[in-house]
Amino acid sequence: MGLVATIASGLRTRLISRAGGIDLTRLDKVPAHLAWPLQRIGVDPDPRLAQMRDQGPVRKFASFLGLDIWLVTGTAEGREVLADATSYSTDIRPYMGRSGSSTDGDIGGLGFTDPPEHTRLRRLITPEFTRRRLARLQPAIDGVIARQLDELEVAGEIDGSVDLAQAFAFPIPFLVICELLGLPDDRREHFRTLASARFDVSEGGMGAVGAISGSREFLLAEAARQRRDPGPGLIGQIIREHGDEINDFDLGGLADGVFTGGLETSASMLALGSAVLLQDRDLWRRVAEEPESVPAVVEELLRYLSVVQLAFPRFVKSEVTVGGQHIRKGAVVLVSIPAANRDPRATAGEVLDPARATGSHLAFGHGLHRCVGAELARMELRAGFPALASRFPGMRLAVPMEQLAFHGMSIVYGVEAVPVTLR
């Protein structure tokens, strides 16, 4: 989810071009004709994406500042682009008015690096996300969920209704990430304040930029602190195993990538997924009473909701042909994850159908930049949904689904609040 931070940090003054490239850091706002693929109607993508896909799953979307921008809306074509690490680059630094050095501080990380730098960094972090290593977190995940359900019950008895987004969806991935990173208890409250601010849009986009910067600085400082006193989690483990192979800046960047990707996406999935399940009483009952049904329901919710709306931009290094379209060197290729995941040629399309669920969706990306934390997200969702439905079988949305305050335009789609009654 480094993409969220990069785009947010680009919302500054005005766009200028300079010798050697385009400085996107001075972009005041994303023009409306480029931003509409991020808009939704409730949980559904903008209908124009399906119309575009019907006309052709790879289409030239716009030209902007001399860059041809192509949009991919088909499943097979999206998979082809995301799997190709030779024809495309995800290194956005030449477009940020910087030298490209990783010491510049604002960008980089796995999402915006190419091999061999990407290979080096991913090699350091991937072992911490194997199923075997992650299994140690299952008791912590279950314990966090149980505590949040207790808090939900108390809040519901006092107020009559409760917000699932803030009382359930946000705390679970936040506390699990704290456990994963090995943050000591006395530093988690400050980190929680920074994390919460990333979800607060009351001060506009620049408030989010400041929050992102704050949490990143916190994790850079935490990497330096754990260099002296390694903790029990991911940061300490990388230091113990690799020492000086990785500097504090890169280690803090990896931790920030884990935080950003694991918090916003999982919180959105838990909130939106719960709201969708509450609309279907049969599915709500099944996830509570039929444990064997939960993995398929989770996979189908991941596909259907596709909370990550765009994959990392691909910059074309040499002319390519995708979906019958010839794309020139220097163009930008964007893959719309919601459109690709609702392609009726390969999926259940616009219908939520767990009977057709498959793990081959693109919700976690594909290829070199596939989300390293995919299995951890699955663990949280597979534990969270059935625990919620089992504890509160009579839970109902307190307002109609269409009245929920969905995010207006965001790379990670979500909802501001999900008010519910517990019984």
Protein backbone atom coordinates (compact mmCIF):
# COMPACT_ATOMS: atom_id res chain seq x y z
CA MET A 1 0.00 0.00 0.00
CA GLY A 2 2.94 2.30 -0.47
CA LEU A 3 0.89 3.58 -3.40
CA VAL A 4 -1.48 5.35 -0.99
CA ALA A 5 1.32 7.29 0.63
CA THR A 6 2.95 8.18 -2.67
CA ILE A 7 -0.21 9.51 -4.26
CA ALA A 8 -1.13 11.39 -1.08
CA SER A 9 2.31 12.99 -0.92
CA GLY A 10 1.84 14.10 -4.53
CA LEU A 11 -1.09 16.32 -3.60
CA ARG A 12 0.80 19.53 -3.10
CA THR A 13 1.18 22.71 -5.12
CA ARG A 14 1.16 22.68 -8.92
CA LEU A 15 2.48 20.38 -11.60
CA ILE A 16 5.70 21.33 -13.34
CA SER A 17 7.89 19.49 -15.79
CA ARG A 18 11.63 19.62 -15.57
CA ALA A 19 14.54 18.33 -17.57
CA GLY A 20 14.87 14.61 -17.16
CA GLY A 21 11.31 13.87 -16.14
CA ILE A 22 8.02 14.95 -14.58
CA ASP A 23 7.78 16.08 -10.99
CA LEU A 24 4.57 14.49 -9.69
CA THR A 25 5.26 15.68 -6.16
CA ARG A 26 3.99 19.11 -7.19
CA LEU A 27 0.62 17.88 -8.40
CA ASP A 28 -2.19 19.83 -6.75
CA LYS A 29 -4.97 17.33 -7.41
CA VAL A 30 -5.78 14.35 -9.58
CA PRO A 31 -7.85 15.58 -12.55
CA ALA A 32 -11.44 14.30 -12.57
CA HIS A 33 -11.05 12.61 -15.95
CA LEU A 34 -8.27 10.46 -14.46
CA ALA A 35 -9.83 9.85 -11.05
CA TRP A 36 -13.23 8.37 -11.91
CA PRO A 37 -12.02 4.70 -11.91
CA LEU A 38 -11.59 5.14 -8.12
CA GLN A 39 -15.25 6.08 -7.66
CA ARG A 40 -17.86 3.52 -6.64
CA ILE A 41 -21.55 3.17 -6.03
CA GLY A 42 -21.68 1.50 -2.65
CA VAL A 43 -19.40 -1.52 -2.94
CA ASP A 44 -19.77 -1.70 -6.72
CA PRO A 45 -17.21 -0.27 -9.17
CA ASP A 46 -18.17 2.61 -11.44
CA PRO A 47 -20.29 1.09 -14.27
CA ARG A 48 -18.02 2.76 -16.81
CA LEU A 49 -15.31 0.22 -15.97
CA ALA A 50 -17.53 -2.66 -17.14
CA GLN A 51 -18.47 -0.69 -20.24
CA MET A 52 -14.81 -0.09 -21.00
CA ARG A 53 -14.03 -3.78 -20.45
CA ASP A 54 -16.82 -4.77 -22.86
CA GLN A 55 -15.29 -2.52 -25.51
CA GLY A 56 -11.86 -4.00 -24.92
CA PRO A 57 -10.05 -5.11 -21.74
CA VAL A 58 -7.00 -2.97 -22.58
CA ARG A 59 -7.70 0.59 -23.65
CA LYS A 60 -5.86 3.88 -23.84
CA PHE A 61 -7.41 5.76 -20.96
CA ALA A 62 -5.91 9.24 -21.26
CA SER A 63 -2.87 11.29 -22.16
CA PHE A 64 -1.53 13.42 -19.34
CA LEU A 65 1.60 15.57 -19.33
CA GLY A 66 2.94 13.71 -22.32
CA LEU A 67 2.32 10.29 -20.80
CA ASP A 68 -0.03 7.81 -22.44
CA ILE A 69 -2.07 6.11 -19.71
CA TRP A 70 -3.59 2.70 -20.42
CA LEU A 71 -6.21 1.00 -18.28
CA VAL A 72 -6.52 -2.78 -18.00
CA THR A 73 -9.94 -4.10 -16.94
CA GLY A 74 -9.78 -7.80 -17.85
CA THR A 75 -8.67 -10.67 -15.61
CA ALA A 76 -6.33 -12.43 -18.05
CA GLU A 77 -4.86 -9.19 -19.31
CA GLY A 78 -4.36 -7.88 -15.78
CA ARG A 79 -2.61 -11.06 -14.77
CA GLU A 80 -0.37 -10.82 -17.83
CA VAL A 81 0.71 -7.27 -17.01
CA LEU A 82 1.27 -7.91 -13.32
CA ALA A 83 3.34 -11.03 -14.00
CA ASP A 84 5.68 -9.30 -16.46
CA ALA A 85 8.70 -7.97 -14.56
CA THR A 86 10.75 -7.55 -17.73
CA SER A 87 8.66 -5.19 -19.85
CA TYR A 88 7.59 -2.91 -17.00
CA SER A 89 9.10 -0.95 -14.13
CA THR A 90 7.33 0.08 -10.93
CA ASP A 91 10.10 2.50 -9.91
CA ILE A 92 8.26 5.83 -9.68
CA ARG A 93 11.24 7.82 -8.43
CA PRO A 94 12.24 9.27 -11.83
CA TYR A 95 8.81 10.93 -11.87
CA MET A 96 9.13 12.41 -8.39
CA GLY A 97 11.68 15.14 -9.12
CA ARG A 98 14.35 13.25 -7.19
CA SER A 99 17.63 11.60 -7.93
CA GLY A 100 16.21 8.15 -7.39
CA SER A 101 18.33 7.49 -4.33
CA SER A 102 16.65 5.47 -1.61
CA THR A 103 17.94 8.01 0.91
CA ASP A 104 15.54 10.67 -0.36
CA GLY A 105 13.09 9.38 2.20
CA ASP A 106 9.58 9.62 0.81
CA ILE A 107 9.30 6.72 -1.59
CA GLY A 108 10.70 3.31 -2.25
CA GLY A 109 9.87 0.06 -0.53
CA LEU A 110 8.85 -3.17 -2.23
CA GLY A 111 6.03 -1.68 -4.30
CA PHE A 112 8.15 0.96 -6.00
CA THR A 113 11.39 -0.90 -6.57
CA ASP A 114 12.60 -3.17 -9.35
CA PRO A 115 15.05 -6.06 -9.23
CA PRO A 116 17.74 -6.35 -8.00
CA GLU A 117 16.81 -3.96 -5.16
CA HIS A 118 13.33 -5.47 -4.89
CA THR A 119 14.79 -8.99 -4.85
CA ARG A 120 17.16 -8.08 -2.02
CA LEU A 121 14.48 -6.48 0.15
CA ARG A 122 11.81 -9.13 -0.47
CA ARG A 123 14.30 -11.88 0.37
CA LEU A 124 14.70 -10.33 3.82
CA ILE A 125 11.00 -10.14 4.62
CA THR A 126 9.39 -13.10 2.85
CA PRO A 127 10.51 -15.77 5.39
CA GLU A 128 8.55 -13.92 8.09
CA PHE A 129 5.33 -14.37 6.11
CA THR A 130 5.42 -18.11 5.48
CA ARG A 131 2.51 -20.09 6.90
CA ARG A 132 4.82 -21.77 9.39
CA ARG A 133 6.11 -18.47 10.82
CA LEU A 134 2.68 -16.83 10.76
CA ALA A 135 1.12 -19.75 12.64
CA ARG A 136 2.67 -18.35 15.83
CA LEU A 137 0.35 -15.33 15.47
CA GLN A 138 -2.90 -17.34 15.44
CA PRO A 139 -3.34 -17.30 19.25
CA ALA A 140 -2.69 -13.55 19.26
CA ILE A 141 -5.23 -13.01 16.46
CA ASP A 142 -7.84 -15.08 18.28
CA GLY A 143 -7.15 -13.22 21.53
CA VAL A 144 -7.43 -9.79 19.89
CA ILE A 145 -10.73 -10.75 18.25
CA ALA A 146 -12.16 -12.10 21.51
CA ARG A 147 -11.26 -8.89 23.36
CA GLN A 148 -12.82 -6.72 20.66
CA LEU A 149 -16.02 -8.78 20.75
CA ASP A 150 -16.19 -8.24 24.52
CA GLU A 151 -15.78 -4.51 24.00
CA LEU A 152 -18.46 -4.55 21.30
CA GLU A 153 -20.90 -6.21 23.69
CA VAL A 154 -20.27 -3.69 26.45
CA ALA A 155 -20.57 -0.74 24.06
CA GLY A 156 -23.75 -2.15 22.55
CA GLU A 157 -25.38 -2.55 25.95
CA ILE A 158 -24.54 1.05 26.84
CA ASP A 159 -25.31 2.82 23.56
CA GLY A 160 -27.70 0.45 21.78
CA SER A 161 -25.64 0.53 18.61
CA VAL A 162 -21.91 0.36 17.91
CA ASP A 163 -19.57 1.18 15.01
CA LEU A 164 -17.97 -1.98 13.64
CA ALA A 165 -15.39 0.01 11.67
CA GLN A 166 -13.81 1.59 14.75
CA ALA A 167 -14.58 -1.03 17.40
CA PHE A 168 -13.85 -4.17 15.39
CA ALA A 169 -12.37 -3.69 11.90
CA PHE A 170 -9.60 -1.24 12.82
CA PRO A 171 -8.28 -2.63 16.14
CA ILE A 172 -7.84 -6.22 14.92
CA PRO A 173 -5.26 -5.63 12.15
CA PHE A 174 -3.67 -2.79 14.12
CA LEU A 175 -2.98 -4.93 17.19
CA VAL A 176 -1.90 -7.91 15.07
CA ILE A 177 0.60 -5.70 13.21
CA CYS A 178 1.97 -4.42 16.52
CA GLU A 179 2.49 -8.05 17.54
CA LEU A 180 4.04 -8.92 14.18
CA LEU A 181 6.47 -6.00 14.22
CA GLY A 182 7.37 -6.61 17.87
CA LEU A 183 6.35 -3.17 19.13
CA PRO A 184 6.57 -2.97 22.94
CA ASP A 185 3.34 -2.22 24.81
CA ASP A 186 4.52 1.21 25.96
CA ARG A 187 4.91 2.40 22.35
CA ARG A 188 1.68 1.03 20.94
CA GLU A 189 -0.60 3.81 22.20
CA HIS A 190 1.40 6.49 20.39
CA PHE A 191 1.46 4.30 17.29
CA ARG A 192 -2.33 3.84 17.57
CA THR A 193 -2.76 7.64 17.52
CA LEU A 194 -0.72 7.89 14.33
CA ALA A 195 -2.56 4.96 12.75
CA SER A 196 -5.99 6.39 13.59
CA ALA A 197 -5.04 9.73 12.04
CA ARG A 198 -4.44 8.01 8.70
CA PHE A 199 -8.15 7.18 8.62
CA ASP A 200 -9.26 10.70 9.59
CA VAL A 201 -10.11 12.78 6.52
CA SER A 202 -11.72 15.63 8.48
CA GLU A 203 -8.77 17.90 7.69
CA GLY A 204 -8.58 16.93 4.05
CA GLY A 205 -5.84 15.21 2.12
CA MET A 206 -2.95 17.11 3.67
CA GLY A 207 -3.96 15.85 7.10
CA ALA A 208 -3.54 12.31 5.78
CA VAL A 209 -0.14 13.23 4.34
CA GLY A 210 1.02 14.39 7.77
CA ALA A 211 -0.31 11.22 9.39
CA ILE A 212 1.47 9.02 6.87
CA SER A 213 4.69 10.92 7.44
CA GLY A 214 4.29 10.60 11.20
CA SER A 215 3.78 6.84 11.20
CA ARG A 216 6.70 6.39 8.81
CA GLU A 217 8.99 8.47 11.03
CA PHE A 218 7.85 6.42 14.03
CA LEU A 219 8.83 3.16 12.33
CA LEU A 220 12.16 4.54 11.12
CA ALA A 221 12.92 5.49 14.73
CA GLU A 222 11.69 2.09 15.93
CA ALA A 223 14.05 0.34 13.51
CA ALA A 224 16.95 2.36 14.92
CA ARG A 225 15.86 1.61 18.51
CA GLN A 226 15.57 -2.12 17.85
CA ARG A 227 19.00 -2.08 16.22
CA ARG A 228 20.26 -1.52 19.78
CA ASP A 229 17.69 -3.77 21.46
CA PRO A 230 16.04 -6.19 19.00
CA GLY A 231 12.44 -7.05 19.84
CA PRO A 232 10.67 -10.41 19.42
CA GLY A 233 8.90 -9.53 16.15
CA LEU A 234 9.71 -9.02 12.50
CA ILE A 235 11.97 -5.98 12.95
CA GLY A 236 14.09 -7.68 15.58
CA GLN A 237 14.19 -10.95 13.66
CA ILE A 238 15.51 -9.28 10.50
CA ILE A 239 18.17 -7.49 12.57
CA ARG A 240 19.22 -10.74 14.25
CA GLU A 241 19.37 -12.70 11.00
CA HIS A 242 20.76 -10.06 8.62
CA GLY A 243 22.44 -7.39 10.74
CA ASP A 244 24.24 -4.84 8.61
CA GLU A 245 22.85 -6.31 5.37
CA ILE A 246 19.98 -3.87 5.78
CA ASN A 247 20.21 -0.27 7.02
CA ASP A 248 17.70 1.41 9.31
CA PHE A 249 16.09 3.37 6.48
CA ASP A 250 15.32 0.24 4.43
CA LEU A 251 14.24 -1.70 7.52
CA GLY A 252 11.92 1.11 8.62
CA GLY A 253 10.56 1.28 5.07
CA LEU A 254 9.79 -2.43 5.07
CA ALA A 255 8.06 -2.09 8.44
CA ASP A 256 6.04 0.86 7.13
CA GLY A 257 5.04 -1.18 4.09
CA VAL A 258 3.84 -4.00 6.35
CA PHE A 259 1.93 -1.49 8.47
CA THR A 260 0.36 0.38 5.55
CA GLY A 261 -0.56 -2.69 3.55
CA GLY A 262 -1.73 -4.74 6.48
CA LEU A 263 -3.77 -2.12 8.29
CA GLU A 264 -5.79 -0.20 5.71
CA THR A 265 -6.62 -3.17 3.53
CA SER A 266 -7.57 -5.59 6.30
CA ALA A 267 -9.55 -2.94 8.20
CA SER A 268 -11.49 -2.12 5.02
CA MET A 269 -12.14 -5.79 4.31
CA LEU A 270 -13.39 -6.48 7.83
CA ALA A 271 -15.70 -3.44 7.79
CA LEU A 272 -17.05 -3.79 4.25
CA GLY A 273 -17.14 -7.59 4.41
CA SER A 274 -19.21 -7.50 7.60
CA ALA A 275 -21.65 -5.04 6.03
CA VAL A 276 -22.06 -7.25 2.96
CA LEU A 277 -22.55 -10.39 5.04
CA LEU A 278 -25.17 -8.64 7.17
CA GLN A 279 -27.18 -8.09 3.97
CA ASP A 280 -27.35 -11.86 3.40
CA ARG A 281 -28.71 -13.66 6.46
CA ASP A 282 -27.99 -17.09 5.01
CA LEU A 283 -24.29 -16.25 4.54
CA TRP A 284 -24.19 -14.70 8.01
CA ARG A 285 -25.54 -17.94 9.48
CA ARG A 286 -23.19 -20.10 7.40
CA VAL A 287 -19.99 -18.36 8.50
CA ALA A 288 -21.16 -18.75 12.10
CA GLU A 289 -22.29 -22.38 11.95
CA GLU A 290 -20.34 -23.99 9.08
CA PRO A 291 -16.58 -23.52 9.54
CA GLU A 292 -15.86 -25.39 6.32
CA SER A 293 -17.64 -22.65 4.34
CA VAL A 294 -15.52 -19.78 5.69
CA PRO A 295 -12.45 -19.99 3.38
CA ALA A 296 -14.61 -19.84 0.24
CA VAL A 297 -16.68 -16.96 1.62
CA VAL A 298 -13.50 -15.03 2.45
CA GLU A 299 -12.00 -15.58 -1.01
CA GLU A 300 -15.21 -14.48 -2.69
CA LEU A 301 -15.43 -11.36 -0.52
CA LEU A 302 -11.84 -10.53 -1.40
CA ARG A 303 -12.69 -10.78 -5.10
CA TYR A 304 -16.07 -9.07 -4.88
CA LEU A 305 -14.93 -6.10 -2.77
CA SER A 306 -11.40 -5.65 -4.17
CA VAL A 307 -10.60 -2.90 -1.69
CA VAL A 308 -7.26 -2.17 -3.38
CA GLN A 309 -8.50 -0.37 -6.45
CA LEU A 310 -5.36 -0.02 -8.56
CA ALA A 311 -2.21 -2.09 -8.76
CA PHE A 312 1.13 -0.29 -8.59
CA PRO A 313 1.60 1.68 -11.85
CA ARG A 314 3.63 -0.09 -14.50
CA PHE A 315 5.95 2.06 -16.61
CA VAL A 316 6.60 0.48 -20.00
CA LYS A 317 10.32 -0.10 -20.60
CA SER A 318 9.97 -1.40 -24.16
CA GLU A 319 7.02 -1.68 -26.54
CA VAL A 320 4.57 -4.38 -25.48
CA THR A 321 1.38 -5.91 -26.83
CA VAL A 322 -1.39 -6.70 -24.34
CA GLY A 323 -4.92 -7.65 -25.22
CA GLY A 324 -4.16 -6.95 -28.88
CA GLN A 325 -3.08 -3.38 -28.10
CA HIS A 326 0.40 -2.11 -28.88
CA ILE A 327 1.70 0.09 -26.06
CA ARG A 328 4.71 2.32 -26.58
CA LYS A 329 7.77 2.66 -24.39
CA GLY A 330 7.27 5.30 -21.69
CA ALA A 331 3.53 4.75 -21.31
CA VAL A 332 1.90 4.01 -17.95
CA VAL A 333 -0.27 0.90 -17.53
CA LEU A 334 -2.82 0.78 -14.71
CA VAL A 335 -4.65 -2.41 -13.75
CA SER A 336 -8.10 -1.84 -12.24
CA ILE A 337 -8.37 -4.60 -9.64
CA PRO A 338 -12.18 -4.30 -9.13
CA ALA A 339 -12.80 -4.41 -12.88
CA ALA A 340 -10.47 -7.37 -13.43
CA ASN A 341 -11.93 -9.24 -10.48
CA ARG A 342 -15.46 -8.77 -11.82
CA ASP A 343 -14.63 -9.83 -15.36
CA PRO A 344 -17.48 -12.26 -16.22
CA ARG A 345 -15.16 -14.15 -18.58
CA ALA A 346 -13.28 -15.50 -15.55
CA THR A 347 -15.31 -14.84 -12.40
CA ALA A 348 -18.85 -14.64 -11.02
CA GLY A 349 -18.85 -11.04 -12.24
CA GLU A 350 -21.11 -8.64 -10.37
CA VAL A 351 -22.63 -11.38 -8.16
CA LEU A 352 -21.28 -12.55 -4.80
CA ASP A 353 -21.13 -16.33 -5.26
CA PRO A 354 -19.01 -18.32 -2.75
CA ALA A 355 -19.84 -21.50 -4.67
CA ARG A 356 -17.58 -20.22 -7.46
CA ALA A 357 -14.90 -18.86 -5.13
CA THR A 358 -11.28 -19.30 -6.12
CA GLY A 359 -8.00 -18.07 -4.72
CA SER A 360 -6.84 -17.01 -8.20
CA HIS A 361 -8.37 -13.53 -7.94
CA LEU A 362 -6.17 -10.43 -8.13
CA ALA A 363 -7.15 -8.86 -4.80
CA PHE A 364 -3.58 -9.36 -3.55
CA GLY A 365 -2.01 -8.53 -6.88
CA HIS A 366 0.00 -11.03 -8.90
CA GLY A 367 3.57 -11.85 -9.80
CA LEU A 368 6.64 -10.07 -8.44
CA HIS A 369 4.67 -7.50 -6.44
CA ARG A 370 1.97 -9.76 -5.05
CA CYS A 371 1.16 -8.74 -1.47
CA VAL A 372 3.63 -10.43 0.85
CA GLY A 373 1.09 -10.30 3.69
CA ALA A 374 -1.73 -12.08 1.83
CA GLU A 375 -1.74 -15.10 4.14
CA LEU A 376 -1.83 -12.93 7.27
CA ALA A 377 -4.83 -11.04 5.89
CA ARG A 378 -6.59 -14.34 5.21
CA MET A 379 -5.92 -15.47 8.78
CA GLU A 380 -7.52 -12.30 10.18
CA LEU A 381 -10.58 -12.53 7.92
CA ARG A 382 -11.10 -16.27 8.41
CA ALA A 383 -11.03 -15.77 12.17
CA GLY A 384 -12.82 -12.43 12.37
CA PHE A 385 -16.00 -13.01 10.34
CA PRO A 386 -17.09 -16.30 11.96
CA ALA A 387 -16.26 -15.04 15.46
CA LEU A 388 -18.41 -11.95 14.91
CA ALA A 389 -21.32 -13.88 13.43
CA SER A 390 -21.15 -16.58 16.12
CA ARG A 391 -21.11 -14.09 18.98
CA PHE A 392 -23.87 -11.90 17.54
CA PRO A 393 -26.12 -14.02 15.29
CA GLY A 394 -28.86 -11.37 15.48
CA MET A 395 -26.64 -8.42 14.51
CA ARG A 396 -28.19 -5.98 12.02
CA LEU A 397 -27.06 -2.84 10.23
CA ALA A 398 -28.46 0.18 12.07
CA VAL A 399 -28.92 2.07 8.79
CA PRO A 400 -29.64 0.91 5.23
CA MET A 401 -26.53 -0.19 3.33
CA GLU A 402 -26.84 2.68 0.86
CA GLN A 403 -26.68 5.20 3.72
CA LEU A 404 -23.23 4.12 4.88
CA ALA A 405 -20.54 6.79 4.45
CA PHE A 406 -18.29 5.17 1.86
CA HIS A 407 -14.96 6.71 0.93
CA GLY A 408 -15.43 9.13 -1.93
CA MET A 409 -12.19 8.43 -3.77
CA SER A 410 -9.39 6.31 -2.40
CA ILE A 411 -6.80 3.83 -3.60
CA VAL A 412 -7.90 1.61 -0.71
CA TYR A 413 -11.70 1.66 -0.73
CA GLY A 414 -13.54 1.59 2.55
CA VAL A 415 -16.25 3.01 4.73
CA GLU A 416 -16.13 5.63 7.47
CA ALA A 417 -18.47 3.79 9.86
CA VAL A 418 -20.62 0.65 10.01
CA PRO A 419 -23.24 1.27 12.73
CA VAL A 420 -24.91 -1.94 13.91
CA THR A 421 -27.28 -3.18 16.56
CA LEU A 422 -26.09 -6.36 18.23
CA ARG A 423 -29.43 -8.10 18.74
